[in-house]
Amino acid sequence: MPHDPHYTSRAWRQARADRLALDRHTCTVPGCGQRAVVVDHIIARRDGGTDTMGNLRSLCREHDNQAKEDATGQRRSGGRFRVRGCDADGLPLDPNHPWHGKG
């Protein structure tokens, strides 16, 4: 994908810094908790998404890779994220985990 000069603009750098600070530099995928290193548009800019805080999210590298678009422009994860040790709904795979009412 060609480089978009938007991502070197002062406005983007400020929006990115603001989102990371708001999320305390932590990945916003429920159950993850890893350090966020990427700010992602929930609705892509090419689809009309804006740089408003409501359209931005902080992601760790693993979840950013899951969210990236493929050559067709579709999200690789289909809009769903996986967390190690959890199923697609974010529930722990361990049947004895307290979230399952056991243990």
C-alpha atoms as a PDB file:
ATOM      1  CA  MET A   1       0.000   0.000   0.000  1.00  0.00           C
ATOM      2  CA  PRO A   2       1.438   3.420  -0.883  1.00  0.00           C
ATOM      3  CA  HIS A   3       2.483   5.655   1.955  1.00  0.00           C
ATOM      4  CA  ASP A   4      -0.254   8.023   3.112  1.00  0.00           C
ATOM      5  CA  PRO A   5       1.243  11.408   4.089  1.00  0.00           C
ATOM      6  CA  HIS A   6      -1.603  11.824   6.589  1.00  0.00           C
ATOM      7  CA  TYR A   7       0.274   9.556   8.995  1.00  0.00           C
ATOM      8  CA  THR A   8       3.204  11.965   9.208  1.00  0.00           C
ATOM      9  CA  SER A   9       1.017  15.013   9.829  1.00  0.00           C
ATOM     10  CA  ARG A  10       1.023  16.904  13.109  1.00  0.00           C
ATOM     11  CA  ALA A  11      -2.746  16.328  13.450  1.00  0.00           C
ATOM     12  CA  TRP A  12      -2.341  12.537  13.187  1.00  0.00           C
ATOM     13  CA  ARG A  13       0.627  12.444  15.573  1.00  0.00           C
ATOM     14  CA  GLN A  14      -1.456  14.360  18.125  1.00  0.00           C
ATOM     15  CA  ALA A  15      -4.543  12.160  17.661  1.00  0.00           C
ATOM     16  CA  ARG A  16      -2.368   9.044  18.010  1.00  0.00           C
ATOM     17  CA  ALA A  17      -0.725  10.352  21.187  1.00  0.00           C
ATOM     18  CA  ASP A  18      -4.114  11.335  22.628  1.00  0.00           C
ATOM     19  CA  ARG A  19      -5.641   7.887  21.948  1.00  0.00           C
ATOM     20  CA  LEU A  20      -2.668   6.035  23.434  1.00  0.00           C
ATOM     21  CA  ALA A  21      -2.773   8.254  26.525  1.00  0.00           C
ATOM     22  CA  LEU A  22      -6.531   7.784  26.883  1.00  0.00           C
ATOM     23  CA  ASP A  23      -6.062   4.002  26.754  1.00  0.00           C
ATOM     24  CA  ARG A  24      -3.028   4.174  29.067  1.00  0.00           C
ATOM     25  CA  HIS A  25      -0.887   2.609  26.318  1.00  0.00           C
ATOM     26  CA  THR A  26      -2.799  -0.661  26.762  1.00  0.00           C
ATOM     27  CA  CYS A  27      -4.397  -2.768  24.022  1.00  0.00           C
ATOM     28  CA  THR A  28      -8.160  -2.199  24.023  1.00  0.00           C
ATOM     29  CA  VAL A  29      -9.052  -5.767  22.992  1.00  0.00           C
ATOM     30  CA  PRO A  30     -10.930  -7.207  25.982  1.00  0.00           C
ATOM     31  CA  GLY A  31      -8.766  -9.617  27.936  1.00  0.00           C
ATOM     32  CA  CYS A  32      -5.500  -8.647  26.240  1.00  0.00           C
ATOM     33  CA  GLY A  33      -3.756  -6.116  28.487  1.00  0.00           C
ATOM     34  CA  GLN A  34      -0.562  -5.965  26.384  1.00  0.00           C
ATOM     35  CA  ARG A  35       1.216  -2.680  25.681  1.00  0.00           C
ATOM     36  CA  ALA A  36      -0.412  -0.814  22.797  1.00  0.00           C
ATOM     37  CA  VAL A  37       1.971   0.289  20.062  1.00  0.00           C
ATOM     38  CA  VAL A  38      -0.479   1.052  17.242  1.00  0.00           C
ATOM     39  CA  VAL A  39      -3.515   3.301  16.923  1.00  0.00           C
ATOM     40  CA  ASP A  40      -6.010   1.802  14.486  1.00  0.00           C
ATOM     41  CA  HIS A  41      -9.029   3.316  12.746  1.00  0.00           C
ATOM     42  CA  ILE A  42     -12.138   1.260  13.524  1.00  0.00           C
ATOM     43  CA  ILE A  43     -13.686   2.516  10.280  1.00  0.00           C
ATOM     44  CA  ALA A  44     -10.829   2.878   7.802  1.00  0.00           C
ATOM     45  CA  ARG A  45     -10.023   6.331   6.482  1.00  0.00           C
ATOM     46  CA  ARG A  46     -10.603   5.130   2.930  1.00  0.00           C
ATOM     47  CA  ASP A  47     -14.138   4.153   3.975  1.00  0.00           C
ATOM     48  CA  GLY A  48     -14.849   7.578   5.471  1.00  0.00           C
ATOM     49  CA  GLY A  49     -13.465   6.953   8.951  1.00  0.00           C
ATOM     50  CA  THR A  50     -12.172   9.964  10.845  1.00  0.00           C
ATOM     51  CA  ASP A  51      -9.465  10.619  13.403  1.00  0.00           C
ATOM     52  CA  THR A  52     -11.986  11.212  16.198  1.00  0.00           C
ATOM     53  CA  MET A  53     -11.354   9.419  19.477  1.00  0.00           C
ATOM     54  CA  GLY A  54     -14.502   7.341  18.942  1.00  0.00           C
ATOM     55  CA  ASN A  55     -13.082   5.911  15.715  1.00  0.00           C
ATOM     56  CA  LEU A  56      -9.600   5.160  17.053  1.00  0.00           C
ATOM     57  CA  ARG A  57      -8.399   2.296  19.226  1.00  0.00           C
ATOM     58  CA  SER A  58      -5.061   1.343  20.729  1.00  0.00           C
ATOM     59  CA  LEU A  59      -3.787  -2.111  19.799  1.00  0.00           C
ATOM     60  CA  CYS A  60      -0.821  -4.312  20.638  1.00  0.00           C
ATOM     61  CA  ARG A  61       1.218  -5.638  17.696  1.00  0.00           C
ATOM     62  CA  GLU A  62      -0.566  -9.026  17.703  1.00  0.00           C
ATOM     63  CA  HIS A  63      -4.041  -7.505  17.521  1.00  0.00           C
ATOM     64  CA  ASP A  64      -2.948  -4.909  14.981  1.00  0.00           C
ATOM     65  CA  ASN A  65      -1.788  -7.779  12.762  1.00  0.00           C
ATOM     66  CA  GLN A  66      -5.192  -9.450  13.196  1.00  0.00           C
ATOM     67  CA  ALA A  67      -6.970  -6.197  12.287  1.00  0.00           C
ATOM     68  CA  LYS A  68      -4.927  -5.338   9.190  1.00  0.00           C
ATOM     69  CA  GLU A  69      -6.732  -5.323   5.883  1.00  0.00           C
ATOM     70  CA  ASP A  70      -5.933  -7.862   3.194  1.00  0.00           C
ATOM     71  CA  ALA A  71      -5.513  -7.039  -0.510  1.00  0.00           C
ATOM     72  CA  THR A  72      -9.305  -6.847  -0.958  1.00  0.00           C
ATOM     73  CA  GLY A  73      -9.651  -4.254   1.809  1.00  0.00           C
ATOM     74  CA  GLN A  74     -11.321  -6.691   4.220  1.00  0.00           C
ATOM     75  CA  ARG A  75     -10.126  -7.056   7.808  1.00  0.00           C
ATOM     76  CA  ARG A  76      -8.163 -10.295   8.213  1.00  0.00           C
ATOM     77  CA  SER A  77      -9.966 -11.147  11.428  1.00  0.00           C
ATOM     78  CA  GLY A  78     -13.416 -10.342  10.078  1.00  0.00           C
ATOM     79  CA  GLY A  79     -13.696  -7.739  12.825  1.00  0.00           C
ATOM     80  CA  ARG A  80     -13.087 -10.242  15.618  1.00  0.00           C
ATOM     81  CA  PHE A  81      -9.970 -10.553  17.704  1.00  0.00           C
ATOM     82  CA  ARG A  82      -8.488 -13.572  19.374  1.00  0.00           C
ATOM     83  CA  VAL A  83      -6.740 -13.436  22.710  1.00  0.00           C
ATOM     84  CA  ARG A  84      -4.303 -16.213  23.602  1.00  0.00           C
ATOM     85  CA  GLY A  85      -6.016 -18.676  25.879  1.00  0.00           C
ATOM     86  CA  CYS A  86      -9.500 -17.464  24.904  1.00  0.00           C
ATOM     87  CA  ASP A  87     -12.095 -18.497  22.366  1.00  0.00           C
ATOM     88  CA  ALA A  88     -13.448 -16.157  19.675  1.00  0.00           C
ATOM     89  CA  ASP A  89     -15.927 -14.688  22.185  1.00  0.00           C
ATOM     90  CA  GLY A  90     -13.148 -13.837  24.647  1.00  0.00           C
ATOM     91  CA  LEU A  91     -13.973 -16.598  27.135  1.00  0.00           C
ATOM     92  CA  PRO A  92     -11.054 -18.536  28.636  1.00  0.00           C
ATOM     93  CA  LEU A  93     -10.406 -21.914  27.022  1.00  0.00           C
ATOM     94  CA  ASP A  94      -9.594 -23.421  30.427  1.00  0.00           C
ATOM     95  CA  PRO A  95     -12.876 -24.969  31.644  1.00  0.00           C
ATOM     96  CA  ASN A  96     -11.737 -24.457  35.247  1.00  0.00           C
ATOM     97  CA  HIS A  97     -11.286 -20.709  34.856  1.00  0.00           C
ATOM     98  CA  PRO A  98     -13.401 -18.752  37.408  1.00  0.00           C
ATOM     99  CA  TRP A  99     -15.319 -17.042  34.599  1.00  0.00           C
ATOM    100  CA  HIS A 100     -16.948 -20.408  33.899  1.00  0.00           C
ATOM    101  CA  GLY A 101     -18.273 -20.574  37.467  1.00  0.00           C
ATOM    102  CA  LYS A 102     -15.833 -23.323  38.409  1.00  0.00           C
ATOM    103  CA  GLY A 103     -12.496 -23.508  40.141  1.00  0.00           C
END
